[in-house]
Amino acid sequence: MCGLFILLTDLSLITESFNVQDVACEYRPGSRISPGQQVAAVIHDEKNRLVNFRWGLIPSWAKDPSMGNRMFNARAETLSEKPSFKNAFKKRRCLIIADGFYEWQKLGKVKKPLYFSLKSGRPFGFAGLHETWVSPDHQPIHTCTIITTEPNELIKPIHDRMPVMVPKEREAFWIDPDNQNQKDLLSILKPYPSEEMEMSEASISFRSV
């Protein structure tokens, strides 16, 4: 599961790190980004573009936008089968940019927030899917979801899922809509190497999610 993350990195470093050639949105950093909020994402549409999506995927065929409230994560193991995700998995993949994310450790009746990030301190991209839903008054709403997988050794004692963090060398392949080899795409959706990550206690209190 991934329900809260942080992105405070300067826009110039994001454009450099993800080879962004078109900033097509208002960049909105945040320390408590949660479902329902706008996120910064990279898509490939002839060139790498930075765009905003609302976190919580609404399938194009949904009758009610409230469906997005529970669609902020997608399990890697069932992407190719679930009607809500399978078309986006084929054609509409993105990188949702983050500096780190939070999970909660249960200590009796208390939940302690822990922060996970890269040891390098650089931003990374969650593997994401995106869709456009059109409202009855013909207004498009662009939404996304973060893909999760089994945890690595660092996160396993804390939670039974973790968000997919796309390795730098696979980012271009992941967001290219021309790449539709399911086997190769699924090979990206693995736990990130724990030796490249670090965990720390959150310095401020959060409501658990």
Protein backbone atom coordinates (compact mmCIF):
# COMPACT_ATOMS: atom_id res chain seq x y z
CA MET A 1 0.00 0.00 0.00
CA CYS A 2 1.07 3.58 -0.58
CA GLY A 3 -1.15 6.28 0.86
CA LEU A 4 1.16 9.17 1.71
CA PHE A 5 4.34 10.52 0.15
CA ILE A 6 6.48 13.61 -0.07
CA LEU A 7 7.90 15.68 -2.94
CA LEU A 8 9.88 18.83 -2.16
CA THR A 9 12.66 18.63 -4.77
CA ASP A 10 13.22 21.75 -6.87
CA LEU A 11 11.59 21.68 -10.29
CA SER A 12 14.92 22.18 -12.07
CA LEU A 13 16.30 18.95 -10.58
CA ILE A 14 13.15 17.06 -11.54
CA THR A 15 13.37 18.18 -15.17
CA GLU A 16 17.03 17.17 -15.22
CA SER A 17 16.54 13.82 -13.48
CA PHE A 18 13.63 12.71 -15.66
CA ASN A 19 14.65 14.32 -18.95
CA VAL A 20 11.54 16.50 -18.97
CA GLN A 21 11.30 18.63 -22.11
CA ASP A 22 7.88 20.15 -21.47
CA VAL A 23 6.56 21.32 -18.09
CA ALA A 24 2.85 21.19 -18.90
CA CYS A 25 1.49 21.85 -15.41
CA GLU A 26 1.78 23.93 -12.28
CA TYR A 27 4.40 22.24 -10.12
CA ARG A 28 2.98 21.71 -6.63
CA PRO A 29 5.44 20.24 -4.12
CA GLY A 30 4.11 18.94 -0.84
CA SER A 31 5.14 17.22 2.38
CA ARG A 32 1.90 15.25 2.86
CA ILE A 33 0.61 14.19 -0.55
CA SER A 34 -2.37 11.87 -0.15
CA PRO A 35 -5.12 10.37 -2.34
CA GLY A 36 -7.40 12.97 -3.88
CA GLN A 37 -4.61 15.52 -4.24
CA GLN A 38 -2.75 16.60 -7.35
CA VAL A 39 0.54 14.81 -8.05
CA ALA A 40 3.39 15.55 -10.45
CA ALA A 41 3.91 12.83 -13.06
CA VAL A 42 6.04 12.25 -16.15
CA ILE A 43 4.45 10.84 -19.30
CA HIS A 44 5.90 10.31 -22.76
CA ASP A 45 3.92 11.94 -25.57
CA GLU A 46 6.51 12.30 -28.33
CA LYS A 47 8.66 13.84 -25.58
CA ASN A 48 8.80 13.63 -21.79
CA ARG A 49 6.18 15.92 -20.27
CA LEU A 50 5.57 16.84 -16.63
CA VAL A 51 1.84 16.89 -15.92
CA ASN A 52 -0.60 16.93 -13.00
CA PHE A 53 -2.94 14.06 -12.19
CA ARG A 54 -5.43 13.67 -9.37
CA TRP A 55 -4.37 10.70 -7.26
CA GLY A 56 -7.12 8.08 -7.40
CA LEU A 57 -7.81 6.52 -10.79
CA ILE A 58 -11.26 6.87 -12.35
CA PRO A 59 -11.63 4.43 -15.29
CA SER A 60 -12.93 6.08 -18.46
CA TRP A 61 -16.06 3.89 -18.30
CA ALA A 62 -16.92 4.67 -14.67
CA LYS A 63 -20.40 6.05 -14.06
CA ASP A 64 -19.43 7.73 -10.80
CA PRO A 65 -16.16 9.62 -10.11
CA SER A 66 -16.28 8.49 -6.48
CA MET A 67 -14.81 5.21 -7.76
CA GLY A 68 -11.45 6.97 -7.74
CA ASN A 69 -11.55 7.30 -3.95
CA ARG A 70 -10.56 3.64 -3.55
CA MET A 71 -8.38 3.30 -6.66
CA PHE A 72 -5.22 5.04 -5.46
CA ASN A 73 -3.23 1.77 -5.55
CA ALA A 74 -3.15 -1.08 -8.09
CA ARG A 75 -1.65 -4.50 -7.37
CA ALA A 76 1.10 -5.46 -9.83
CA GLU A 77 0.00 -9.10 -9.79
CA THR A 78 -3.46 -8.40 -11.27
CA LEU A 79 -2.91 -5.41 -13.57
CA SER A 80 -3.40 -7.35 -16.77
CA GLU A 81 -6.70 -8.85 -15.52
CA LYS A 82 -8.55 -6.06 -13.71
CA PRO A 83 -10.91 -4.10 -16.01
CA SER A 84 -10.05 -0.92 -14.09
CA PHE A 85 -6.36 -1.13 -14.94
CA LYS A 86 -5.64 -3.39 -17.91
CA ASN A 87 -6.13 -0.80 -20.67
CA ALA A 88 -4.08 1.82 -18.86
CA PHE A 89 -1.36 -0.78 -18.28
CA LYS A 90 -1.11 -1.28 -22.04
CA LYS A 91 -1.13 2.36 -23.13
CA ARG A 92 -1.11 4.90 -20.29
CA ARG A 93 1.82 4.41 -17.94
CA CYS A 94 3.53 7.18 -16.03
CA LEU A 95 6.10 7.99 -13.36
CA ILE A 96 4.67 9.65 -10.26
CA ILE A 97 7.50 11.69 -8.79
CA ALA A 98 8.41 11.46 -5.11
CA ASP A 99 11.26 12.03 -2.67
CA GLY A 100 10.02 9.38 -0.25
CA PHE A 101 6.97 7.73 1.26
CA TYR A 102 5.54 6.74 4.63
CA GLU A 103 4.39 3.52 6.22
CA TRP A 104 3.23 2.83 9.77
CA GLN A 105 4.78 0.34 12.17
CA LYS A 106 2.34 -1.21 14.64
CA LEU A 107 3.67 -1.22 18.20
CA GLY A 108 0.84 -2.59 20.29
CA LYS A 109 -1.96 -0.05 20.01
CA VAL A 110 0.40 2.63 18.68
CA LYS A 111 1.33 3.22 15.04
CA LYS A 112 4.72 4.82 14.46
CA PRO A 113 5.27 6.61 11.11
CA LEU A 114 8.42 5.62 9.23
CA TYR A 115 9.89 7.38 6.22
CA PHE A 116 11.45 5.53 3.26
CA SER A 117 13.67 7.14 0.63
CA LEU A 118 16.72 6.52 -1.55
CA LYS A 119 20.13 6.67 0.08
CA SER A 120 21.19 8.94 -2.78
CA GLY A 121 18.63 11.53 -1.68
CA ARG A 122 17.42 11.93 -5.25
CA PRO A 123 13.80 11.86 -6.38
CA PHE A 124 12.42 8.71 -7.99
CA GLY A 125 9.35 7.65 -9.94
CA PHE A 126 6.61 5.38 -8.67
CA ALA A 127 5.23 3.15 -11.42
CA GLY A 128 1.84 4.64 -12.21
CA LEU A 129 -1.10 4.36 -14.57
CA HIS A 130 -3.30 7.22 -15.72
CA GLU A 131 -6.76 7.68 -17.21
CA THR A 132 -9.03 10.50 -18.36
CA TRP A 133 -12.66 10.48 -17.21
CA VAL A 134 -15.16 12.89 -18.79
CA SER A 135 -17.90 14.26 -16.54
CA PRO A 136 -21.55 14.62 -17.61
CA ASP A 137 -20.87 18.30 -18.33
CA HIS A 138 -17.96 17.26 -20.62
CA GLN A 139 -15.14 18.26 -18.26
CA PRO A 140 -12.09 15.94 -18.41
CA ILE A 141 -10.60 14.74 -15.14
CA HIS A 142 -7.08 13.29 -15.36
CA THR A 143 -6.35 10.73 -12.65
CA CYS A 144 -3.71 8.17 -11.71
CA THR A 145 -2.87 5.26 -9.45
CA ILE A 146 0.37 3.96 -7.92
CA ILE A 147 1.26 0.31 -8.50
CA THR A 148 2.26 -1.79 -5.49
CA THR A 149 4.14 -5.06 -5.17
CA GLU A 150 5.50 -7.37 -2.47
CA PRO A 151 7.87 -5.67 0.01
CA ASN A 152 11.65 -5.78 -0.02
CA GLU A 153 13.66 -6.82 3.04
CA LEU A 154 13.67 -3.28 4.47
CA ILE A 155 9.90 -2.87 4.37
CA LYS A 156 8.78 -6.47 4.99
CA PRO A 157 8.84 -6.14 8.82
CA ILE A 158 6.62 -3.05 8.54
CA HIS A 159 4.14 -3.79 5.75
CA ASP A 160 3.18 -6.58 3.35
CA ARG A 161 3.16 -4.25 0.30
CA MET A 162 5.34 -1.49 -1.09
CA PRO A 163 4.99 0.94 -4.00
CA VAL A 164 6.87 0.04 -7.17
CA MET A 165 9.84 2.38 -7.61
CA VAL A 166 11.03 2.25 -11.22
CA PRO A 167 14.80 1.83 -11.61
CA LYS A 168 16.40 4.77 -13.43
CA GLU A 169 17.50 2.59 -16.35
CA ARG A 170 13.91 1.36 -16.93
CA GLU A 171 12.08 4.69 -16.70
CA ALA A 172 12.10 5.50 -20.42
CA PHE A 173 10.87 2.01 -21.27
CA TRP A 174 8.07 2.16 -18.70
CA ILE A 175 6.52 5.43 -19.92
CA ASP A 176 6.87 4.77 -23.67
CA PRO A 177 3.35 3.87 -24.88
CA ASP A 178 4.81 2.03 -27.88
CA ASN A 179 6.22 -0.60 -25.53
CA GLN A 180 3.44 -3.13 -25.07
CA ASN A 181 5.38 -6.30 -24.31
CA GLN A 182 3.55 -7.41 -21.19
CA LYS A 183 6.31 -9.70 -19.98
CA ASP A 184 8.94 -6.94 -20.17
CA LEU A 185 6.64 -4.42 -18.50
CA LEU A 186 5.77 -6.79 -15.67
CA SER A 187 9.47 -7.44 -15.08
CA ILE A 188 9.77 -3.82 -13.88
CA LEU A 189 7.15 -4.27 -11.18
CA LYS A 190 9.45 -5.79 -8.59
CA PRO A 191 10.54 -4.74 -5.09
CA TYR A 192 13.20 -2.01 -5.23
CA PRO A 193 16.63 -3.15 -3.93
CA SER A 194 16.60 -2.60 -0.18
CA GLU A 195 20.32 -1.84 -0.09
CA GLU A 196 19.66 1.34 -2.09
CA MET A 197 17.02 2.58 0.34
CA GLU A 198 16.99 3.93 3.86
CA MET A 199 14.40 4.15 6.62
CA SER A 200 14.05 6.77 9.32
CA GLU A 201 11.51 7.74 11.95
CA ALA A 202 9.23 10.58 10.90
CA SER A 203 10.08 13.74 12.82
CA ILE A 204 6.47 14.95 12.98
CA SER A 205 3.19 13.21 13.72
CA PHE A 206 0.87 11.97 10.97
CA ARG A 207 -2.58 10.50 11.05
CA SER A 208 -2.25 6.86 9.97
CA VAL A 209 -3.80 5.92 6.60
